Amino acid sequence: MMAWTASVPTPKKLECRIELDEAVGYYLYVYENGKDVYDGLQDTLQFAMEEAYERFNIPLDLWRQVE
């Protein structure tokens, strides 16, 4: 499975992960201080990253592929 992560340490510790499920699309997961606060599904990686930016102010250039 392919995945991407991004972390923002301040003001809240946000950790984000996008996972590709080839059958349905890209899942965006957002954790605040280790607690799951959001998950969503998008058709493309770009849409998932843009959703993270719009909802949680995660800059697009923070994302790194991990798998």
C-alpha atoms as a PDB file:
ATOM      1  CA  MET A   1       0.000   0.000   0.000  1.00  0.00           C
ATOM      2  CA  MET A   2       1.284   3.436  -0.869  1.00  0.00           C
ATOM      3  CA  ALA A   3       1.100   6.124   1.810  1.00  0.00           C
ATOM      4  CA  TRP A   4       2.138   9.730   2.480  1.00  0.00           C
ATOM      5  CA  THR A   5       2.579  11.533   5.818  1.00  0.00           C
ATOM      6  CA  ALA A   6       2.824  15.111   7.056  1.00  0.00           C
ATOM      7  CA  SER A   7       3.279  16.481  10.591  1.00  0.00           C
ATOM      8  CA  VAL A   8       2.771  19.940  12.062  1.00  0.00           C
ATOM      9  CA  PRO A   9       4.143  20.328  15.617  1.00  0.00           C
ATOM     10  CA  THR A  10       2.543  23.676  16.506  1.00  0.00           C
ATOM     11  CA  PRO A  11       0.163  25.010  17.689  1.00  0.00           C
ATOM     12  CA  LYS A  12      -1.488  21.580  17.831  1.00  0.00           C
ATOM     13  CA  LYS A  13       0.409  18.391  17.147  1.00  0.00           C
ATOM     14  CA  LEU A  14      -1.271  17.280  13.933  1.00  0.00           C
ATOM     15  CA  GLU A  15      -0.230  14.109  12.165  1.00  0.00           C
ATOM     16  CA  CYS A  16      -1.736  13.296   8.793  1.00  0.00           C
ATOM     17  CA  ARG A  17      -1.628  10.212   6.643  1.00  0.00           C
ATOM     18  CA  ILE A  18      -2.967   9.531   3.173  1.00  0.00           C
ATOM     19  CA  GLU A  19      -3.337   5.916   2.104  1.00  0.00           C
ATOM     20  CA  LEU A  20      -4.122   4.695  -1.388  1.00  0.00           C
ATOM     21  CA  ASP A  21      -6.803   2.044  -1.718  1.00  0.00           C
ATOM     22  CA  GLU A  22      -6.709   1.263  -5.415  1.00  0.00           C
ATOM     23  CA  ALA A  23     -10.324   0.068  -5.360  1.00  0.00           C
ATOM     24  CA  VAL A  24     -11.806   3.332  -4.054  1.00  0.00           C
ATOM     25  CA  GLY A  25      -9.280   6.180  -3.815  1.00  0.00           C
ATOM     26  CA  TYR A  26      -7.167   8.056  -1.271  1.00  0.00           C
ATOM     27  CA  TYR A  27      -8.042   8.023   2.424  1.00  0.00           C
ATOM     28  CA  LEU A  28      -6.995  11.051   4.475  1.00  0.00           C
ATOM     29  CA  TYR A  29      -6.536  10.440   8.209  1.00  0.00           C
ATOM     30  CA  VAL A  30      -5.819  13.289  10.658  1.00  0.00           C
ATOM     31  CA  TYR A  31      -4.713  12.840  14.279  1.00  0.00           C
ATOM     32  CA  GLU A  32      -4.436  15.570  16.904  1.00  0.00           C
ATOM     33  CA  ASN A  33      -2.188  14.684  19.839  1.00  0.00           C
ATOM     34  CA  GLY A  34      -2.541  11.031  18.825  1.00  0.00           C
ATOM     35  CA  LYS A  35      -6.362  11.107  18.700  1.00  0.00           C
ATOM     36  CA  ASP A  36      -8.207  10.425  15.435  1.00  0.00           C
ATOM     37  CA  VAL A  37     -10.067  13.646  14.565  1.00  0.00           C
ATOM     38  CA  TYR A  38     -10.862  13.218  10.870  1.00  0.00           C
ATOM     39  CA  ASP A  39     -10.965  10.784   7.993  1.00  0.00           C
ATOM     40  CA  GLY A  40     -12.121  11.362   4.460  1.00  0.00           C
ATOM     41  CA  LEU A  41     -11.983   9.835   1.004  1.00  0.00           C
ATOM     42  CA  GLN A  42     -10.881  11.592  -2.193  1.00  0.00           C
ATOM     43  CA  ASP A  43     -10.482  10.478  -5.814  1.00  0.00           C
ATOM     44  CA  THR A  44      -6.891  11.692  -6.196  1.00  0.00           C
ATOM     45  CA  LEU A  45      -3.800  12.258  -4.079  1.00  0.00           C
ATOM     46  CA  GLN A  46      -3.866  15.953  -4.971  1.00  0.00           C
ATOM     47  CA  PHE A  47      -7.473  16.303  -3.790  1.00  0.00           C
ATOM     48  CA  ALA A  48      -6.606  14.579  -0.479  1.00  0.00           C
ATOM     49  CA  MET A  49      -3.647  16.912   0.087  1.00  0.00           C
ATOM     50  CA  GLU A  50      -5.772  19.949  -0.778  1.00  0.00           C
ATOM     51  CA  GLU A  51      -8.468  18.803   1.661  1.00  0.00           C
ATOM     52  CA  ALA A  52      -5.830  18.571   4.415  1.00  0.00           C
ATOM     53  CA  TYR A  53      -4.716  22.089   3.555  1.00  0.00           C
ATOM     54  CA  GLU A  54      -8.235  23.538   3.465  1.00  0.00           C
ATOM     55  CA  ARG A  55      -9.457  21.853   6.659  1.00  0.00           C
ATOM     56  CA  PHE A  56      -6.278  21.755   8.774  1.00  0.00           C
ATOM     57  CA  ASN A  57      -3.823  24.179   7.110  1.00  0.00           C
ATOM     58  CA  ILE A  58      -1.335  21.392   6.276  1.00  0.00           C
ATOM     59  CA  PRO A  59       1.032  22.866   3.659  1.00  0.00           C
ATOM     60  CA  LEU A  60       1.250  20.868   0.446  1.00  0.00           C
ATOM     61  CA  ASP A  61       5.063  20.783   0.577  1.00  0.00           C
ATOM     62  CA  LEU A  62       5.125  18.887   3.914  1.00  0.00           C
ATOM     63  CA  TRP A  63       3.886  15.621   2.432  1.00  0.00           C
ATOM     64  CA  ARG A  64       6.394  12.765   2.089  1.00  0.00           C
ATOM     65  CA  GLN A  65       5.834   9.348   0.578  1.00  0.00           C
ATOM     66  CA  VAL A  66       6.608   6.647   3.157  1.00  0.00           C
ATOM     67  CA  GLU A  67       5.674   3.358   1.487  1.00  0.00           C
END
